[in-house]
Amino acid sequence: MIVIDEERIFKEIESKKPVSVSLNGPDGILPQVQETAMNITKRFGIPAYVLADTTWGTCDLNSNGSKVLGAEIQFNIGHTINTESFEKNLVLINAYDDVEFDSV
């Protein structure tokens, strides 16, 4: 099962105190991204928008979608992280598969 690094997201929100955020990720993990968005709203009482447009990684961040929604931070989830951030208020977040292959 895919596990999103929610603690990193929560730390960013606690630090920057945005009034809204957006989340973007690959199609295959959108259910987990939606769950994370609900956890953000429940914990912080702010809107967490899921950008459900197909994304192709760090070369296709859909930051314009976040700007249109007025999101103060965009979390791009589940793509290879090769830098901390590409632009202001865009944060790359890891997603991990917790399936073990020890018995294979």
N, C-alpha and C. Protein backbone atom coordinates (compact mmCIF):
# COMPACT_ATOMS: atom_id res chain seq x y z
N MET A 1 0.84 -1.18 0.00
CA MET A 1 0.00 0.00 0.00
C MET A 1 0.89 1.25 0.00
N ILE A 2 0.48 2.25 -0.72
CA ILE A 2 1.23 3.50 -0.79
C ILE A 2 1.00 4.31 0.48
N VAL A 3 2.09 4.80 1.05
CA VAL A 3 2.04 5.63 2.25
C VAL A 3 2.64 6.99 1.92
N ILE A 4 1.88 8.05 2.12
CA ILE A 4 2.34 9.41 1.86
C ILE A 4 2.98 9.97 3.13
N ASP A 5 4.05 10.68 2.98
CA ASP A 5 4.76 11.29 4.12
C ASP A 5 3.96 12.48 4.66
N GLU A 6 2.87 12.16 5.38
CA GLU A 6 1.99 13.20 5.91
C GLU A 6 2.68 14.04 6.97
N GLU A 7 3.59 13.46 7.73
CA GLU A 7 4.27 14.23 8.77
C GLU A 7 5.02 15.42 8.18
N ARG A 8 5.63 15.21 7.04
CA ARG A 8 6.33 16.33 6.36
C ARG A 8 5.34 17.40 5.93
N ILE A 9 4.20 16.97 5.41
CA ILE A 9 3.16 17.92 5.02
C ILE A 9 2.68 18.71 6.24
N PHE A 10 2.41 17.99 7.33
CA PHE A 10 1.91 18.64 8.54
C PHE A 10 2.92 19.65 9.09
N LYS A 11 4.20 19.32 9.04
CA LYS A 11 5.23 20.24 9.52
C LYS A 11 5.27 21.52 8.67
N GLU A 12 5.13 21.37 7.37
CA GLU A 12 5.11 22.54 6.48
C GLU A 12 3.90 23.44 6.79
N ILE A 13 2.75 22.82 7.01
CA ILE A 13 1.54 23.58 7.31
C ILE A 13 1.68 24.28 8.67
N GLU A 14 2.19 23.56 9.66
CA GLU A 14 2.39 24.17 10.98
C GLU A 14 3.36 25.33 10.91
N SER A 15 4.38 25.21 10.09
CA SER A 15 5.40 26.25 9.97
C SER A 15 4.91 27.48 9.21
N LYS A 16 4.23 27.24 8.08
CA LYS A 16 3.86 28.35 7.19
C LYS A 16 2.44 28.88 7.41
N LYS A 17 1.60 28.10 8.08
CA LYS A 17 0.23 28.49 8.42
C LYS A 17 -0.58 29.03 7.22
N PRO A 18 -0.69 28.24 6.16
CA PRO A 18 -1.47 28.69 5.00
C PRO A 18 -2.97 28.66 5.29
N VAL A 19 -3.74 29.42 4.52
CA VAL A 19 -5.19 29.37 4.65
C VAL A 19 -5.80 28.28 3.78
N SER A 20 -5.05 27.79 2.80
CA SER A 20 -5.47 26.66 1.98
C SER A 20 -4.24 26.06 1.31
N VAL A 21 -4.36 24.78 0.93
CA VAL A 21 -3.27 24.08 0.25
C VAL A 21 -3.86 23.27 -0.90
N SER A 22 -2.98 22.84 -1.79
CA SER A 22 -3.39 21.92 -2.85
C SER A 22 -2.42 20.75 -2.87
N LEU A 23 -2.92 19.63 -3.38
CA LEU A 23 -2.12 18.41 -3.48
C LEU A 23 -2.24 17.87 -4.88
N ASN A 24 -1.14 17.37 -5.41
CA ASN A 24 -1.10 16.82 -6.75
C ASN A 24 -0.25 15.56 -6.71
N GLY A 25 -0.63 14.57 -7.49
CA GLY A 25 0.14 13.34 -7.54
C GLY A 25 -0.27 12.49 -8.72
N PRO A 26 0.44 11.39 -8.95
CA PRO A 26 0.12 10.51 -10.07
C PRO A 26 -1.28 9.91 -9.92
N ASP A 27 -1.90 9.61 -11.04
CA ASP A 27 -3.25 9.04 -11.04
C ASP A 27 -3.38 7.83 -10.13
N GLY A 28 -2.38 6.98 -10.11
CA GLY A 28 -2.45 5.73 -9.36
C GLY A 28 -2.53 5.89 -7.86
N ILE A 29 -2.15 7.07 -7.34
CA ILE A 29 -2.22 7.26 -5.89
C ILE A 29 -3.24 8.34 -5.50
N LEU A 30 -4.11 8.74 -6.42
CA LEU A 30 -5.10 9.77 -6.10
C LEU A 30 -5.99 9.40 -4.91
N PRO A 31 -6.38 8.13 -4.73
CA PRO A 31 -7.16 7.81 -3.52
C PRO A 31 -6.40 8.15 -2.23
N GLN A 32 -5.11 7.87 -2.19
CA GLN A 32 -4.31 8.20 -1.01
C GLN A 32 -4.12 9.72 -0.88
N VAL A 33 -4.00 10.41 -2.00
CA VAL A 33 -3.89 11.87 -1.98
C VAL A 33 -5.19 12.48 -1.43
N GLN A 34 -6.33 11.94 -1.84
CA GLN A 34 -7.62 12.41 -1.33
C GLN A 34 -7.72 12.18 0.18
N GLU A 35 -7.27 11.04 0.64
CA GLU A 35 -7.28 10.75 2.07
C GLU A 35 -6.40 11.74 2.83
N THR A 36 -5.23 12.04 2.28
CA THR A 36 -4.34 13.02 2.91
C THR A 36 -5.00 14.39 2.95
N ALA A 37 -5.69 14.78 1.88
CA ALA A 37 -6.39 16.06 1.86
C ALA A 37 -7.45 16.11 2.97
N MET A 38 -8.18 15.04 3.15
CA MET A 38 -9.18 15.00 4.22
C MET A 38 -8.51 15.09 5.59
N ASN A 39 -7.37 14.45 5.75
CA ASN A 39 -6.64 14.51 7.03
C ASN A 39 -6.16 15.93 7.31
N ILE A 40 -5.73 16.64 6.28
CA ILE A 40 -5.29 18.03 6.44
C ILE A 40 -6.46 18.90 6.90
N THR A 41 -7.60 18.78 6.22
CA THR A 41 -8.77 19.59 6.58
C THR A 41 -9.22 19.28 8.00
N LYS A 42 -9.23 18.01 8.34
CA LYS A 42 -9.65 17.61 9.69
C LYS A 42 -8.70 18.15 10.76
N ARG A 43 -7.41 18.06 10.51
CA ARG A 43 -6.42 18.46 11.51
C ARG A 43 -6.25 19.97 11.63
N PHE A 44 -6.29 20.68 10.49
CA PHE A 44 -5.97 22.11 10.49
C PHE A 44 -7.17 23.02 10.21
N GLY A 45 -8.28 22.44 9.77
CA GLY A 45 -9.47 23.24 9.49
C GLY A 45 -9.33 24.16 8.29
N ILE A 46 -8.51 23.76 7.32
CA ILE A 46 -8.31 24.56 6.11
C ILE A 46 -8.68 23.73 4.88
N PRO A 47 -9.07 24.37 3.78
CA PRO A 47 -9.33 23.62 2.56
C PRO A 47 -8.04 23.00 2.02
N ALA A 48 -8.16 21.77 1.57
CA ALA A 48 -7.05 21.06 0.93
C ALA A 48 -7.58 20.54 -0.41
N TYR A 49 -7.21 21.21 -1.48
CA TYR A 49 -7.71 20.89 -2.81
C TYR A 49 -6.86 19.81 -3.47
N VAL A 50 -7.52 18.83 -4.07
CA VAL A 50 -6.81 17.79 -4.82
C VAL A 50 -6.87 18.16 -6.30
N LEU A 51 -5.70 18.35 -6.90
CA LEU A 51 -5.61 18.62 -8.34
C LEU A 51 -5.58 17.27 -9.04
N ALA A 52 -6.69 16.87 -9.59
CA ALA A 52 -6.80 15.52 -10.14
C ALA A 52 -6.46 15.43 -11.62
N ASP A 53 -5.85 16.47 -12.17
CA ASP A 53 -5.38 16.40 -13.55
C ASP A 53 -4.23 15.41 -13.64
N THR A 54 -4.15 14.70 -14.74
CA THR A 54 -3.03 13.80 -14.94
C THR A 54 -1.73 14.59 -14.88
N THR A 55 -0.76 14.04 -14.17
CA THR A 55 0.53 14.72 -14.01
C THR A 55 1.65 13.78 -14.43
N TRP A 56 2.69 14.34 -14.97
CA TRP A 56 3.80 13.54 -15.49
C TRP A 56 5.08 13.76 -14.69
N GLY A 57 4.94 14.09 -13.44
CA GLY A 57 6.11 14.23 -12.59
C GLY A 57 6.53 15.66 -12.41
N THR A 58 7.80 15.83 -12.08
CA THR A 58 8.28 17.16 -11.74
C THR A 58 8.39 18.09 -12.95
N CYS A 59 8.21 17.55 -14.14
CA CYS A 59 8.21 18.42 -15.32
C CYS A 59 6.79 18.91 -15.64
N ASP A 60 5.81 18.49 -14.84
CA ASP A 60 4.40 18.82 -15.09
C ASP A 60 3.71 19.03 -13.74
N LEU A 61 3.99 20.13 -13.08
CA LEU A 61 3.58 20.32 -11.69
C LEU A 61 2.18 20.91 -11.51
N ASN A 62 1.58 21.46 -12.54
CA ASN A 62 0.26 22.08 -12.48
C ASN A 62 0.17 23.15 -11.40
N SER A 63 1.20 23.95 -11.27
CA SER A 63 1.18 25.02 -10.27
C SER A 63 0.15 26.10 -10.62
N ASN A 64 -0.21 26.23 -11.89
CA ASN A 64 -1.25 27.19 -12.26
C ASN A 64 -2.59 26.82 -11.65
N GLY A 65 -2.89 25.52 -11.57
CA GLY A 65 -4.12 25.08 -10.92
C GLY A 65 -4.19 25.52 -9.47
N SER A 66 -3.06 25.43 -8.79
CA SER A 66 -3.00 25.88 -7.39
C SER A 66 -3.21 27.38 -7.28
N LYS A 67 -2.62 28.11 -8.20
CA LYS A 67 -2.76 29.58 -8.18
C LYS A 67 -4.20 29.99 -8.42
N VAL A 68 -4.88 29.33 -9.35
CA VAL A 68 -6.28 29.64 -9.64
C VAL A 68 -7.14 29.41 -8.40
N LEU A 69 -6.84 28.36 -7.65
CA LEU A 69 -7.60 28.04 -6.43
C LEU A 69 -7.20 28.90 -5.24
N GLY A 70 -6.12 29.63 -5.36
CA GLY A 70 -5.66 30.45 -4.25
C GLY A 70 -4.95 29.67 -3.16
N ALA A 71 -4.47 28.48 -3.50
CA ALA A 71 -3.74 27.67 -2.51
C ALA A 71 -2.38 28.29 -2.24
N GLU A 72 -2.06 28.42 -0.97
CA GLU A 72 -0.80 29.07 -0.59
C GLU A 72 0.40 28.13 -0.64
N ILE A 73 0.14 26.83 -0.55
CA ILE A 73 1.20 25.82 -0.69
C ILE A 73 0.66 24.72 -1.59
N GLN A 74 1.49 24.25 -2.53
CA GLN A 74 1.15 23.07 -3.32
C GLN A 74 2.10 21.95 -2.93
N PHE A 75 1.52 20.81 -2.58
CA PHE A 75 2.30 19.62 -2.28
C PHE A 75 2.23 18.70 -3.49
N ASN A 76 3.38 18.43 -4.10
CA ASN A 76 3.45 17.51 -5.23
C ASN A 76 3.94 16.18 -4.67
N ILE A 77 3.10 15.18 -4.72
CA ILE A 77 3.32 13.93 -4.00
C ILE A 77 3.68 12.79 -4.94
N GLY A 78 4.68 12.01 -4.53
CA GLY A 78 4.93 10.73 -5.15
C GLY A 78 5.79 10.72 -6.39
N HIS A 79 6.48 11.79 -6.68
CA HIS A 79 7.41 11.79 -7.80
C HIS A 79 8.83 11.81 -7.26
N THR A 80 9.76 11.43 -8.08
CA THR A 80 11.16 11.44 -7.66
C THR A 80 11.55 12.83 -7.18
N ILE A 81 12.11 12.87 -5.99
CA ILE A 81 12.52 14.14 -5.42
C ILE A 81 13.99 14.35 -5.70
N ASN A 82 14.28 15.30 -6.57
CA ASN A 82 15.67 15.59 -6.89
C ASN A 82 16.08 16.98 -6.43
N THR A 83 15.18 17.65 -5.75
CA THR A 83 15.45 18.96 -5.15
C THR A 83 14.39 19.20 -4.09
N GLU A 84 14.62 20.13 -3.21
CA GLU A 84 13.63 20.43 -2.17
C GLU A 84 12.40 21.13 -2.73
N SER A 85 12.60 22.03 -3.68
CA SER A 85 11.48 22.78 -4.21
C SER A 85 11.85 23.34 -5.58
N PHE A 86 10.86 23.47 -6.44
CA PHE A 86 11.08 24.01 -7.78
C PHE A 86 10.73 25.49 -7.84
N GLU A 87 9.76 25.88 -7.10
CA GLU A 87 9.33 27.27 -7.09
C GLU A 87 8.76 27.58 -5.72
N LYS A 88 8.54 28.86 -5.48
CA LYS A 88 8.05 29.29 -4.18
C LYS A 88 6.73 28.59 -3.85
N ASN A 89 6.61 28.09 -2.64
CA ASN A 89 5.39 27.47 -2.11
C ASN A 89 5.01 26.17 -2.81
N LEU A 90 5.94 25.52 -3.46
CA LEU A 90 5.72 24.19 -4.02
C LEU A 90 6.67 23.24 -3.30
N VAL A 91 6.11 22.22 -2.66
CA VAL A 91 6.90 21.31 -1.85
C VAL A 91 6.74 19.89 -2.39
N LEU A 92 7.85 19.21 -2.61
CA LEU A 92 7.83 17.83 -3.08
C LEU A 92 7.75 16.89 -1.87
N ILE A 93 6.84 15.92 -1.94
CA ILE A 93 6.58 15.01 -0.83
C ILE A 93 6.76 13.57 -1.31
N ASN A 94 7.44 12.77 -0.52
CA ASN A 94 7.64 11.36 -0.84
C ASN A 94 6.38 10.54 -0.59
N ALA A 95 6.23 9.48 -1.37
CA ALA A 95 5.24 8.45 -1.13
C ALA A 95 5.98 7.12 -1.23
N TYR A 96 5.69 6.24 -0.30
CA TYR A 96 6.42 4.97 -0.22
C TYR A 96 5.45 3.81 -0.36
N ASP A 97 5.95 2.71 -0.89
CA ASP A 97 5.19 1.47 -0.91
C ASP A 97 5.68 0.64 0.26
N ASP A 98 4.77 0.26 1.15
CA ASP A 98 5.18 -0.48 2.35
C ASP A 98 5.10 -2.00 2.18
N VAL A 99 4.97 -2.47 0.95
CA VAL A 99 4.95 -3.90 0.69
C VAL A 99 6.38 -4.45 0.82
N GLU A 100 6.52 -5.51 1.58
CA GLU A 100 7.84 -6.12 1.75
C GLU A 100 8.04 -7.24 0.73
N PHE A 101 9.26 -7.39 0.28
CA PHE A 101 9.61 -8.42 -0.68
C PHE A 101 10.59 -9.43 -0.09
N ASP A 102 10.68 -9.49 1.23
CA ASP A 102 11.63 -10.36 1.90
C ASP A 102 11.43 -11.84 1.56
N SER A 103 10.18 -12.25 1.37
CA SER A 103 9.92 -13.67 1.13
C SER A 103 9.96 -14.04 -0.34
N VAL A 104 10.26 -13.11 -1.19
CA VAL A 104 10.29 -13.39 -2.63
C VAL A 104 11.63 -13.97 -3.02
